[in-house]
Amino acid sequence: MQKQPAQQQPKNAKNLSIAFLILAVVMIGAQLINVIITLLPSAAETTLQLGDGTTASVASLRNAYITSLLFLLLLYGAVAFWVYKSKNWARWVAAVLALLAAFGGVQGIARLLAGSGTDMVGLALSLAQVLAAGWVLSLAFRSDVHEWFKKQGA
């Protein structure tokens, strides 16, 4: 008996895996920058004004940043793996994460533009976040991608 050749994965389904991986790198990279900054001796004495009017030292946020980094690494890593494996539920989770990332990126851009607008790294990260999230969302619901993931989930 001859084996049936495996159906070729559509290019857009492959691109979805790449786009989500890039979004994961942007999200994890932004948190990694926060961790690196909190580890710098010069930043340890810096205080931040929080939204409710209170202040916090950068050093006191170190554990929160490290915890966030590990959480994002596990979450985005697991979802990226399952998107690569063409699981339909992972495509939906990736779309929800991309939507949340897009909202966060737009909020970051708005906050920077409303303020002094001098944080170029923050602006670049927010723009990268919005672009990567938009790419994921534009691919996640294409008909060829939808059909591919639906077939793989069956």
C-alpha atoms as a PDB file:
ATOM      1  CA  MET A   1       0.000   0.000   0.000  1.00  0.00           C
ATOM      2  CA  GLN A   2       1.158   3.484  -0.777  1.00  0.00           C
ATOM      3  CA  LYS A   3       1.025   6.162   1.866  1.00  0.00           C
ATOM      4  CA  GLN A   4      -0.878   9.300   1.115  1.00  0.00           C
ATOM      5  CA  PRO A   5       1.462  12.290   0.968  1.00  0.00           C
ATOM      6  CA  ALA A   6       0.931  14.668   3.832  1.00  0.00           C
ATOM      7  CA  GLN A   7      -0.983  17.759   2.871  1.00  0.00           C
ATOM      8  CA  GLN A   8       1.325  20.727   2.515  1.00  0.00           C
ATOM      9  CA  GLN A   9       0.902  23.410   5.158  1.00  0.00           C
ATOM     10  CA  PRO A  10      -0.228  26.702   3.581  1.00  0.00           C
ATOM     11  CA  LYS A  11       2.275  29.532   3.574  1.00  0.00           C
ATOM     12  CA  ASN A  12       0.019  31.715   5.705  1.00  0.00           C
ATOM     13  CA  ALA A  13      -0.213  29.001   8.381  1.00  0.00           C
ATOM     14  CA  LYS A  14       3.593  28.914   8.508  1.00  0.00           C
ATOM     15  CA  ASN A  15       3.643  32.704   8.645  1.00  0.00           C
ATOM     16  CA  LEU A  16       1.228  32.619  11.597  1.00  0.00           C
ATOM     17  CA  SER A  17       3.747  30.520  13.523  1.00  0.00           C
ATOM     18  CA  ILE A  18       6.520  32.970  12.648  1.00  0.00           C
ATOM     19  CA  ALA A  19       4.377  36.021  13.452  1.00  0.00           C
ATOM     20  CA  PHE A  20       3.393  34.646  16.845  1.00  0.00           C
ATOM     21  CA  LEU A  21       7.013  33.751  17.583  1.00  0.00           C
ATOM     22  CA  ILE A  22       8.015  37.348  16.796  1.00  0.00           C
ATOM     23  CA  LEU A  23       5.209  38.647  19.045  1.00  0.00           C
ATOM     24  CA  ALA A  24       6.470  36.334  21.804  1.00  0.00           C
ATOM     25  CA  VAL A  25      10.024  37.640  21.394  1.00  0.00           C
ATOM     26  CA  VAL A  26       8.793  41.255  21.568  1.00  0.00           C
ATOM     27  CA  MET A  27       6.694  40.629  24.676  1.00  0.00           C
ATOM     28  CA  ILE A  28       9.410  38.626  26.444  1.00  0.00           C
ATOM     29  CA  GLY A  29      12.109  41.059  25.296  1.00  0.00           C
ATOM     30  CA  ALA A  30      10.250  44.023  26.782  1.00  0.00           C
ATOM     31  CA  GLN A  31       9.976  42.249  30.114  1.00  0.00           C
ATOM     32  CA  LEU A  32      13.632  41.202  29.911  1.00  0.00           C
ATOM     33  CA  ILE A  33      14.597  44.867  29.488  1.00  0.00           C
ATOM     34  CA  ASN A  34      12.669  45.631  32.689  1.00  0.00           C
ATOM     35  CA  VAL A  35      14.563  42.871  34.524  1.00  0.00           C
ATOM     36  CA  ILE A  36      17.927  44.100  33.235  1.00  0.00           C
ATOM     37  CA  ILE A  37      17.141  47.668  34.247  1.00  0.00           C
ATOM     38  CA  THR A  38      16.163  46.615  37.755  1.00  0.00           C
ATOM     39  CA  LEU A  39      19.447  44.731  38.097  1.00  0.00           C
ATOM     40  CA  LEU A  40      21.548  47.812  37.287  1.00  0.00           C
ATOM     41  CA  PRO A  41      23.024  49.396  40.408  1.00  0.00           C
ATOM     42  CA  SER A  42      22.252  52.894  39.147  1.00  0.00           C
ATOM     43  CA  ALA A  43      18.539  52.056  38.855  1.00  0.00           C
ATOM     44  CA  ALA A  44      18.196  50.547  42.338  1.00  0.00           C
ATOM     45  CA  GLU A  45      17.699  53.957  43.957  1.00  0.00           C
ATOM     46  CA  THR A  46      15.294  55.247  41.307  1.00  0.00           C
ATOM     47  CA  THR A  47      11.691  55.720  42.363  1.00  0.00           C
ATOM     48  CA  LEU A  48       8.711  55.479  40.067  1.00  0.00           C
ATOM     49  CA  GLN A  49       5.482  57.434  40.391  1.00  0.00           C
ATOM     50  CA  LEU A  50       2.632  54.932  40.108  1.00  0.00           C
ATOM     51  CA  GLY A  51      -0.762  55.767  38.657  1.00  0.00           C
ATOM     52  CA  ASP A  52      -2.475  56.111  42.029  1.00  0.00           C
ATOM     53  CA  GLY A  53      -0.002  58.746  43.238  1.00  0.00           C
ATOM     54  CA  THR A  54       2.172  56.408  45.286  1.00  0.00           C
ATOM     55  CA  THR A  55       5.820  55.757  44.601  1.00  0.00           C
ATOM     56  CA  ALA A  56       7.853  52.568  44.444  1.00  0.00           C
ATOM     57  CA  SER A  57      11.551  51.949  44.089  1.00  0.00           C
ATOM     58  CA  VAL A  58      12.737  50.138  40.996  1.00  0.00           C
ATOM     59  CA  ALA A  59      14.575  47.625  43.193  1.00  0.00           C
ATOM     60  CA  SER A  60      11.304  46.700  44.938  1.00  0.00           C
ATOM     61  CA  LEU A  61       9.801  45.744  41.569  1.00  0.00           C
ATOM     62  CA  ARG A  62      12.631  43.334  40.698  1.00  0.00           C
ATOM     63  CA  ASN A  63      10.798  40.193  41.820  1.00  0.00           C
ATOM     64  CA  ALA A  64       7.622  41.252  40.033  1.00  0.00           C
ATOM     65  CA  TYR A  65       9.550  41.765  36.796  1.00  0.00           C
ATOM     66  CA  ILE A  66      11.319  38.410  37.114  1.00  0.00           C
ATOM     67  CA  THR A  67       8.024  36.641  37.842  1.00  0.00           C
ATOM     68  CA  SER A  68       6.390  38.339  34.852  1.00  0.00           C
ATOM     69  CA  LEU A  69       9.294  37.361  32.635  1.00  0.00           C
ATOM     70  CA  LEU A  70       9.045  33.701  33.630  1.00  0.00           C
ATOM     71  CA  PHE A  71       5.257  33.705  33.237  1.00  0.00           C
ATOM     72  CA  LEU A  72       5.422  35.273  29.764  1.00  0.00           C
ATOM     73  CA  LEU A  73       8.212  32.904  28.742  1.00  0.00           C
ATOM     74  CA  LEU A  74       6.145  29.865  29.717  1.00  0.00           C
ATOM     75  CA  LEU A  75       2.866  31.183  28.312  1.00  0.00           C
ATOM     76  CA  TYR A  76       4.128  32.452  24.967  1.00  0.00           C
ATOM     77  CA  GLY A  77       6.554  29.550  24.586  1.00  0.00           C
ATOM     78  CA  ALA A  78       3.846  26.933  25.103  1.00  0.00           C
ATOM     79  CA  VAL A  79       1.371  28.662  22.804  1.00  0.00           C
ATOM     80  CA  ALA A  80       4.029  29.179  20.108  1.00  0.00           C
ATOM     81  CA  PHE A  81       4.890  25.464  20.272  1.00  0.00           C
ATOM     82  CA  TRP A  82       1.250  24.423  19.865  1.00  0.00           C
ATOM     83  CA  VAL A  83       0.619  26.964  17.092  1.00  0.00           C
ATOM     84  CA  TYR A  84       3.619  25.457  15.307  1.00  0.00           C
ATOM     85  CA  LYS A  85       2.016  22.024  15.819  1.00  0.00           C
ATOM     86  CA  SER A  86      -1.162  23.427  14.162  1.00  0.00           C
ATOM     87  CA  LYS A  87      -3.550  23.026  17.080  1.00  0.00           C
ATOM     88  CA  ASN A  88      -6.733  25.011  16.504  1.00  0.00           C
ATOM     89  CA  TRP A  89      -7.175  25.935  20.178  1.00  0.00           C
ATOM     90  CA  ALA A  90      -3.647  27.393  20.143  1.00  0.00           C
ATOM     91  CA  ARG A  91      -4.574  29.590  17.186  1.00  0.00           C
ATOM     92  CA  TRP A  92      -7.436  31.024  19.247  1.00  0.00           C
ATOM     93  CA  VAL A  93      -5.226  31.526  22.302  1.00  0.00           C
ATOM     94  CA  ALA A  94      -2.629  33.210  20.066  1.00  0.00           C
ATOM     95  CA  ALA A  95      -5.323  35.522  18.699  1.00  0.00           C
ATOM     96  CA  VAL A  96      -6.482  36.471  22.210  1.00  0.00           C
ATOM     97  CA  LEU A  97      -2.878  37.083  23.336  1.00  0.00           C
ATOM     98  CA  ALA A  98      -2.261  39.163  20.205  1.00  0.00           C
ATOM     99  CA  LEU A  99      -5.388  41.204  20.884  1.00  0.00           C
ATOM    100  CA  LEU A 100      -4.262  41.868  24.461  1.00  0.00           C
ATOM    101  CA  ALA A 101      -0.766  42.758  23.222  1.00  0.00           C
ATOM    102  CA  ALA A 102      -2.242  45.172  20.665  1.00  0.00           C
ATOM    103  CA  PHE A 103      -4.322  46.909  23.351  1.00  0.00           C
ATOM    104  CA  GLY A 104      -1.270  47.118  25.600  1.00  0.00           C
ATOM    105  CA  GLY A 105       0.856  48.517  22.793  1.00  0.00           C
ATOM    106  CA  VAL A 106      -1.721  51.152  21.874  1.00  0.00           C
ATOM    107  CA  GLN A 107      -2.025  52.096  25.549  1.00  0.00           C
ATOM    108  CA  GLY A 108       1.773  52.389  25.789  1.00  0.00           C
ATOM    109  CA  ILE A 109       1.921  54.615  22.725  1.00  0.00           C
ATOM    110  CA  ALA A 110      -0.909  56.811  24.004  1.00  0.00           C
ATOM    111  CA  ARG A 111       0.726  57.119  27.434  1.00  0.00           C
ATOM    112  CA  LEU A 112       4.055  58.089  25.887  1.00  0.00           C
ATOM    113  CA  LEU A 113       2.510  60.630  23.526  1.00  0.00           C
ATOM    114  CA  ALA A 114       0.406  62.150  26.310  1.00  0.00           C
ATOM    115  CA  GLY A 115       3.490  62.505  28.494  1.00  0.00           C
ATOM    116  CA  SER A 116       6.830  63.899  27.519  1.00  0.00           C
ATOM    117  CA  GLY A 117       7.287  61.388  24.694  1.00  0.00           C
ATOM    118  CA  THR A 118      11.029  61.084  25.273  1.00  0.00           C
ATOM    119  CA  ASP A 119      11.142  57.334  26.013  1.00  0.00           C
ATOM    120  CA  MET A 120      12.193  56.143  22.566  1.00  0.00           C
ATOM    121  CA  VAL A 121      12.827  52.561  23.723  1.00  0.00           C
ATOM    122  CA  GLY A 122       9.327  52.376  25.187  1.00  0.00           C
ATOM    123  CA  LEU A 123       7.856  53.861  22.029  1.00  0.00           C
ATOM    124  CA  ALA A 124       9.762  51.409  19.820  1.00  0.00           C
ATOM    125  CA  LEU A 125       8.683  48.444  21.953  1.00  0.00           C
ATOM    126  CA  SER A 126       5.044  49.583  21.906  1.00  0.00           C
ATOM    127  CA  LEU A 127       5.141  50.030  18.119  1.00  0.00           C
ATOM    128  CA  ALA A 128       6.761  46.615  17.666  1.00  0.00           C
ATOM    129  CA  GLN A 129       4.123  45.110  19.919  1.00  0.00           C
ATOM    130  CA  VAL A 130       1.266  46.642  17.915  1.00  0.00           C
ATOM    131  CA  LEU A 131       2.786  45.638  14.570  1.00  0.00           C
ATOM    132  CA  ALA A 132       3.512  42.044  15.619  1.00  0.00           C
ATOM    133  CA  ALA A 133       0.067  41.678  17.190  1.00  0.00           C
ATOM    134  CA  GLY A 134      -1.550  43.082  14.052  1.00  0.00           C
ATOM    135  CA  TRP A 135       0.361  40.606  11.910  1.00  0.00           C
ATOM    136  CA  VAL A 136      -0.781  37.691  14.072  1.00  0.00           C
ATOM    137  CA  LEU A 137      -4.396  38.873  14.003  1.00  0.00           C
ATOM    138  CA  SER A 138      -4.343  39.424  10.243  1.00  0.00           C
ATOM    139  CA  LEU A 139      -3.160  35.859   9.672  1.00  0.00           C
ATOM    140  CA  ALA A 140      -5.136  34.031  12.371  1.00  0.00           C
ATOM    141  CA  PHE A 141      -8.491  34.370  10.656  1.00  0.00           C
ATOM    142  CA  ARG A 142      -7.570  33.978   6.994  1.00  0.00           C
ATOM    143  CA  SER A 143      -9.684  31.292   5.340  1.00  0.00           C
ATOM    144  CA  ASP A 144      -6.725  29.092   4.333  1.00  0.00           C
ATOM    145  CA  VAL A 145      -5.263  29.279   7.849  1.00  0.00           C
ATOM    146  CA  HIS A 146      -8.665  28.606   9.420  1.00  0.00           C
ATOM    147  CA  GLU A 147      -9.201  25.541   7.223  1.00  0.00           C
ATOM    148  CA  TRP A 148      -5.694  24.199   7.875  1.00  0.00           C
ATOM    149  CA  PHE A 149      -5.995  24.470  11.640  1.00  0.00           C
ATOM    150  CA  LYS A 150      -9.541  23.066  11.551  1.00  0.00           C
ATOM    151  CA  LYS A 151      -8.366  19.988   9.619  1.00  0.00           C
ATOM    152  CA  GLN A 152      -5.397  19.485  11.932  1.00  0.00           C
ATOM    153  CA  GLY A 153      -7.648  19.669  14.991  1.00  0.00           C
ATOM    154  CA  ALA A 154     -10.012  17.001  13.667  1.00  0.00           C
END
